[in-house]
């Protein structure tokens, strides 16, 4: 066989520090305020473009996930489509089924 594995399309991925990560110390239980993580990511992207040579492109990417509007946990349903994360979501689902 003449097939071989090569590496290509290199890229560098940068993640902002987690909330509560202050470099030398970490304080748990701190969460991002709405929009704060996006603002920080855009700021880092601008600073990379401004200070680093040989940049082809810098873009901010993100994951889209569904979460419960009541408890904030990732959205999960049972086989009937009923939410399993919290009582408030269950009650709302039952109300919509009427």
N, C-alpha and C. Protein backbone atom coordinates (compact mmCIF):
# COMPACT_ATOMS: atom_id res chain seq x y z
N UNK A 1 0.83 -1.17 0.00
CA UNK A 1 0.00 0.00 0.00
C UNK A 1 0.88 1.24 0.00
N UNK A 2 0.46 2.29 -0.72
CA UNK A 2 1.26 3.51 -0.83
C UNK A 2 0.70 4.65 0.00
N UNK A 3 -0.11 4.33 0.97
CA UNK A 3 -0.73 5.36 1.80
C UNK A 3 0.18 5.69 2.98
N UNK A 4 0.26 6.99 3.31
CA UNK A 4 0.99 7.40 4.50
C UNK A 4 0.23 8.52 5.20
N UNK A 5 0.50 8.70 6.45
CA UNK A 5 -0.15 9.74 7.25
C UNK A 5 0.80 10.92 7.37
N UNK A 6 0.28 12.11 7.10
CA UNK A 6 1.08 13.34 7.22
C UNK A 6 0.32 14.34 8.08
N UNK A 7 1.03 15.34 8.56
CA UNK A 7 0.41 16.43 9.32
C UNK A 7 0.34 17.65 8.41
N UNK A 8 -0.79 18.37 8.45
CA UNK A 8 -0.93 19.60 7.69
C UNK A 8 -2.03 20.46 8.28
N UNK A 9 -2.22 21.63 7.70
CA UNK A 9 -3.24 22.57 8.17
C UNK A 9 -3.06 22.89 9.65
N UNK A 10 -1.85 23.23 10.02
CA UNK A 10 -1.56 23.58 11.42
C UNK A 10 -2.31 24.84 11.82
N UNK A 11 -2.71 24.89 13.04
CA UNK A 11 -3.35 26.07 13.60
C UNK A 11 -3.05 26.12 15.10
N UNK A 12 -3.21 27.28 15.65
CA UNK A 12 -2.98 27.48 17.07
C UNK A 12 -4.32 27.84 17.70
N UNK A 13 -4.64 27.17 18.77
CA UNK A 13 -5.90 27.40 19.46
C UNK A 13 -5.57 28.03 20.81
N UNK A 14 -6.26 29.11 21.14
CA UNK A 14 -6.04 29.83 22.39
C UNK A 14 -7.36 29.87 23.16
N UNK A 15 -7.33 29.46 24.42
CA UNK A 15 -8.52 29.54 25.27
C UNK A 15 -8.28 30.62 26.32
N UNK A 16 -9.29 31.44 26.59
CA UNK A 16 -9.16 32.37 27.71
C UNK A 16 -9.07 31.59 29.02
N UNK A 17 -8.47 32.20 30.02
CA UNK A 17 -8.45 31.57 31.34
C UNK A 17 -9.88 31.37 31.82
N UNK A 18 -10.05 30.35 32.63
CA UNK A 18 -11.35 30.11 33.25
C UNK A 18 -11.63 31.20 34.27
N UNK A 19 -12.91 31.51 34.50
CA UNK A 19 -13.19 32.48 35.57
C UNK A 19 -12.67 31.93 36.89
N UNK A 20 -12.04 32.76 37.66
CA UNK A 20 -11.46 32.31 38.92
C UNK A 20 -10.00 31.92 38.82
N UNK A 21 -9.47 31.81 37.58
CA UNK A 21 -8.06 31.47 37.37
C UNK A 21 -7.27 32.77 37.28
N UNK A 22 -6.52 33.05 38.32
CA UNK A 22 -5.75 34.29 38.38
C UNK A 22 -4.26 34.04 38.19
N UNK A 23 -3.92 32.97 37.47
CA UNK A 23 -2.52 32.65 37.23
C UNK A 23 -1.95 31.81 38.34
N UNK A 24 -1.54 32.43 39.41
CA UNK A 24 -0.92 31.71 40.52
C UNK A 24 -1.91 31.04 41.46
N UNK A 25 -3.13 31.55 41.48
CA UNK A 25 -4.15 30.96 42.35
C UNK A 25 -5.44 30.74 41.57
N UNK A 26 -6.26 29.82 42.06
CA UNK A 26 -7.55 29.55 41.44
C UNK A 26 -8.62 29.58 42.53
N UNK A 27 -9.69 30.31 42.26
CA UNK A 27 -10.82 30.38 43.18
C UNK A 27 -12.02 29.76 42.48
N UNK A 28 -12.53 28.67 43.03
CA UNK A 28 -13.67 27.98 42.43
C UNK A 28 -14.97 28.71 42.67
N UNK A 29 -15.99 28.35 41.89
CA UNK A 29 -17.32 28.90 42.07
C UNK A 29 -17.57 30.22 41.37
N UNK A 30 -16.59 30.75 40.66
CA UNK A 30 -16.77 32.00 39.92
C UNK A 30 -17.23 31.65 38.51
N UNK A 31 -18.25 32.34 38.02
CA UNK A 31 -18.78 32.09 36.68
C UNK A 31 -18.69 33.34 35.83
N UNK A 32 -18.70 33.15 34.51
CA UNK A 32 -18.71 34.27 33.58
C UNK A 32 -20.04 35.01 33.69
N UNK A 33 -19.99 36.32 33.63
CA UNK A 33 -21.21 37.11 33.50
C UNK A 33 -21.63 37.04 32.03
N UNK A 34 -22.93 37.23 31.73
CA UNK A 34 -23.37 37.17 30.33
C UNK A 34 -22.56 38.13 29.45
N UNK A 35 -22.02 37.63 28.36
CA UNK A 35 -21.27 38.43 27.41
C UNK A 35 -19.80 38.61 27.75
N UNK A 36 -19.40 38.31 28.98
CA UNK A 36 -18.02 38.55 29.42
C UNK A 36 -17.03 37.65 28.69
N UNK A 37 -17.37 36.38 28.53
CA UNK A 37 -16.46 35.44 27.86
C UNK A 37 -16.28 35.82 26.39
N UNK A 38 -17.37 36.22 25.73
CA UNK A 38 -17.29 36.64 24.32
C UNK A 38 -16.44 37.91 24.19
N UNK A 39 -16.64 38.87 25.08
CA UNK A 39 -15.86 40.11 25.04
C UNK A 39 -14.37 39.83 25.21
N UNK A 40 -14.04 38.95 26.16
CA UNK A 40 -12.64 38.60 26.40
C UNK A 40 -12.04 37.89 25.19
N UNK A 41 -12.78 36.96 24.59
CA UNK A 41 -12.28 36.24 23.42
C UNK A 41 -12.02 37.21 22.26
N UNK A 42 -12.92 38.15 22.03
CA UNK A 42 -12.72 39.13 20.96
C UNK A 42 -11.53 40.03 21.26
N UNK A 43 -11.35 40.40 22.52
CA UNK A 43 -10.21 41.22 22.91
C UNK A 43 -8.89 40.48 22.66
N UNK A 44 -8.83 39.20 23.03
CA UNK A 44 -7.62 38.40 22.81
C UNK A 44 -7.34 38.29 21.32
N UNK A 45 -8.37 38.06 20.50
CA UNK A 45 -8.19 37.95 19.06
C UNK A 45 -7.62 39.25 18.48
N UNK A 46 -8.12 40.39 18.92
CA UNK A 46 -7.61 41.68 18.46
C UNK A 46 -6.16 41.88 18.87
N UNK A 47 -5.81 41.49 20.09
CA UNK A 47 -4.44 41.65 20.56
C UNK A 47 -3.49 40.73 19.80
N UNK A 48 -3.92 39.53 19.47
CA UNK A 48 -3.08 38.63 18.67
C UNK A 48 -2.83 39.24 17.30
N UNK A 49 -3.87 39.76 16.65
CA UNK A 49 -3.70 40.38 15.33
C UNK A 49 -2.76 41.57 15.40
N UNK A 50 -2.84 42.33 16.46
CA UNK A 50 -2.03 43.54 16.60
C UNK A 50 -0.56 43.23 16.90
N UNK A 51 -0.28 42.17 17.65
CA UNK A 51 1.07 41.95 18.17
C UNK A 51 1.82 40.77 17.56
N UNK A 52 1.18 39.94 16.77
CA UNK A 52 1.83 38.74 16.26
C UNK A 52 1.92 38.81 14.75
N UNK A 53 3.13 38.61 14.22
CA UNK A 53 3.34 38.58 12.76
C UNK A 53 3.00 37.21 12.21
N UNK A 54 2.91 37.14 10.90
CA UNK A 54 2.67 35.88 10.17
C UNK A 54 1.33 35.24 10.52
N UNK A 55 0.32 36.08 10.76
CA UNK A 55 -1.03 35.58 11.05
C UNK A 55 -1.81 35.50 9.75
N UNK A 56 -2.35 34.32 9.45
CA UNK A 56 -3.22 34.17 8.29
C UNK A 56 -4.63 34.65 8.60
N UNK A 57 -5.14 34.26 9.75
CA UNK A 57 -6.48 34.66 10.17
C UNK A 57 -6.61 34.42 11.67
N UNK A 58 -7.38 35.25 12.29
CA UNK A 58 -7.75 35.05 13.69
C UNK A 58 -9.27 35.14 13.74
N UNK A 59 -9.88 34.14 14.32
CA UNK A 59 -11.34 34.20 14.45
C UNK A 59 -11.74 33.61 15.79
N UNK A 60 -12.82 34.13 16.29
CA UNK A 60 -13.37 33.63 17.54
C UNK A 60 -14.40 32.56 17.19
N UNK A 61 -14.22 31.37 17.73
CA UNK A 61 -15.17 30.28 17.53
C UNK A 61 -15.78 29.91 18.87
N UNK A 62 -16.92 29.28 18.84
CA UNK A 62 -17.60 28.90 20.08
C UNK A 62 -18.48 27.70 19.83
N UNK A 63 -18.83 27.03 20.89
CA UNK A 63 -19.76 25.91 20.83
C UNK A 63 -21.16 26.42 21.14
N UNK A 64 -22.14 25.83 20.50
CA UNK A 64 -23.54 26.15 20.78
C UNK A 64 -24.15 24.94 21.47
N UNK A 65 -24.66 25.14 22.66
CA UNK A 65 -25.27 24.05 23.42
C UNK A 65 -26.65 24.49 23.90
N UNK A 66 -27.51 23.53 24.10
CA UNK A 66 -28.83 23.81 24.67
C UNK A 66 -28.76 23.56 26.17
N UNK A 67 -29.25 24.54 26.94
CA UNK A 67 -29.27 24.42 28.39
C UNK A 67 -30.67 24.71 28.90
N UNK A 68 -30.94 24.28 30.10
CA UNK A 68 -32.23 24.54 30.74
C UNK A 68 -32.29 26.01 31.16
N UNK A 69 -33.40 26.67 30.83
CA UNK A 69 -33.54 28.07 31.20
C UNK A 69 -33.75 28.26 32.70
N UNK A 70 -34.11 27.20 33.40
CA UNK A 70 -34.38 27.30 34.83
C UNK A 70 -33.14 27.02 35.67
N UNK A 71 -32.43 25.92 35.39
CA UNK A 71 -31.30 25.54 36.24
C UNK A 71 -29.94 25.76 35.58
N UNK A 72 -29.91 25.94 34.25
CA UNK A 72 -28.66 26.21 33.55
C UNK A 72 -27.86 24.97 33.17
N UNK A 73 -28.31 23.78 33.56
CA UNK A 73 -27.60 22.55 33.19
C UNK A 73 -27.82 22.24 31.71
N UNK A 74 -26.91 21.45 31.12
CA UNK A 74 -27.09 21.01 29.74
C UNK A 74 -28.44 20.33 29.60
N UNK A 75 -29.10 20.58 28.47
CA UNK A 75 -30.44 20.06 28.24
C UNK A 75 -30.39 18.57 27.94
N UNK A 76 -31.16 17.81 28.69
CA UNK A 76 -31.31 16.37 28.47
C UNK A 76 -32.78 16.02 28.56
N UNK A 77 -33.20 15.07 27.72
CA UNK A 77 -34.59 14.62 27.73
C UNK A 77 -34.62 13.10 27.83
N UNK A 78 -35.73 12.59 28.39
CA UNK A 78 -35.92 11.14 28.36
C UNK A 78 -36.51 10.75 27.00
N UNK A 79 -36.86 9.49 26.83
CA UNK A 79 -37.34 9.01 25.53
C UNK A 79 -38.66 9.65 25.11
N UNK A 80 -39.41 10.23 26.05
CA UNK A 80 -40.68 10.90 25.72
C UNK A 80 -40.50 12.38 25.45
N UNK A 81 -39.28 12.89 25.58
CA UNK A 81 -39.02 14.31 25.37
C UNK A 81 -39.15 15.13 26.63
N UNK A 82 -39.32 14.48 27.76
CA UNK A 82 -39.46 15.15 29.05
C UNK A 82 -38.08 15.53 29.59
N UNK A 83 -37.90 16.80 30.00
CA UNK A 83 -36.60 17.19 30.56
C UNK A 83 -36.31 16.46 31.87
N UNK A 84 -35.04 16.18 32.11
CA UNK A 84 -34.65 15.41 33.30
C UNK A 84 -33.78 16.21 34.27
N UNK A 85 -33.56 17.50 34.00
CA UNK A 85 -32.59 18.24 34.81
C UNK A 85 -33.16 18.81 36.11
N UNK A 86 -34.41 19.32 36.08
CA UNK A 86 -34.93 19.96 37.29
C UNK A 86 -36.45 19.93 37.31
N UNK A 87 -37.01 20.16 38.47
CA UNK A 87 -38.46 20.14 38.66
C UNK A 87 -39.14 21.26 37.89
N UNK A 88 -38.54 22.43 37.84
CA UNK A 88 -39.15 23.56 37.13
C UNK A 88 -39.30 23.25 35.64
N UNK A 89 -38.29 22.64 35.04
CA UNK A 89 -38.38 22.28 33.62
C UNK A 89 -39.43 21.21 33.41
N UNK A 90 -39.51 20.25 34.32
CA UNK A 90 -40.52 19.19 34.23
C UNK A 90 -41.92 19.78 34.30
N UNK A 91 -42.15 20.70 35.24
CA UNK A 91 -43.47 21.33 35.38
C UNK A 91 -43.83 22.13 34.13
N UNK A 92 -42.88 22.84 33.57
CA UNK A 92 -43.13 23.61 32.34
C UNK A 92 -43.47 22.67 31.19
N UNK A 93 -42.76 21.57 31.07
CA UNK A 93 -43.02 20.58 30.02
C UNK A 93 -44.42 19.99 30.18
N UNK A 94 -44.79 19.65 31.42
CA UNK A 94 -46.12 19.10 31.68
C UNK A 94 -47.21 20.11 31.34
N UNK A 95 -46.97 21.39 31.64
CA UNK A 95 -47.93 22.45 31.31
C UNK A 95 -48.12 22.54 29.81
N UNK A 96 -47.04 22.42 29.04
CA UNK A 96 -47.12 22.51 27.59
C UNK A 96 -47.79 21.28 26.97
N UNK A 97 -47.80 20.16 27.68
CA UNK A 97 -48.42 18.95 27.15
C UNK A 97 -49.94 18.97 27.29
N UNK A 98 -50.47 19.86 28.12
CA UNK A 98 -51.93 19.91 28.35
C UNK A 98 -52.67 20.43 27.15
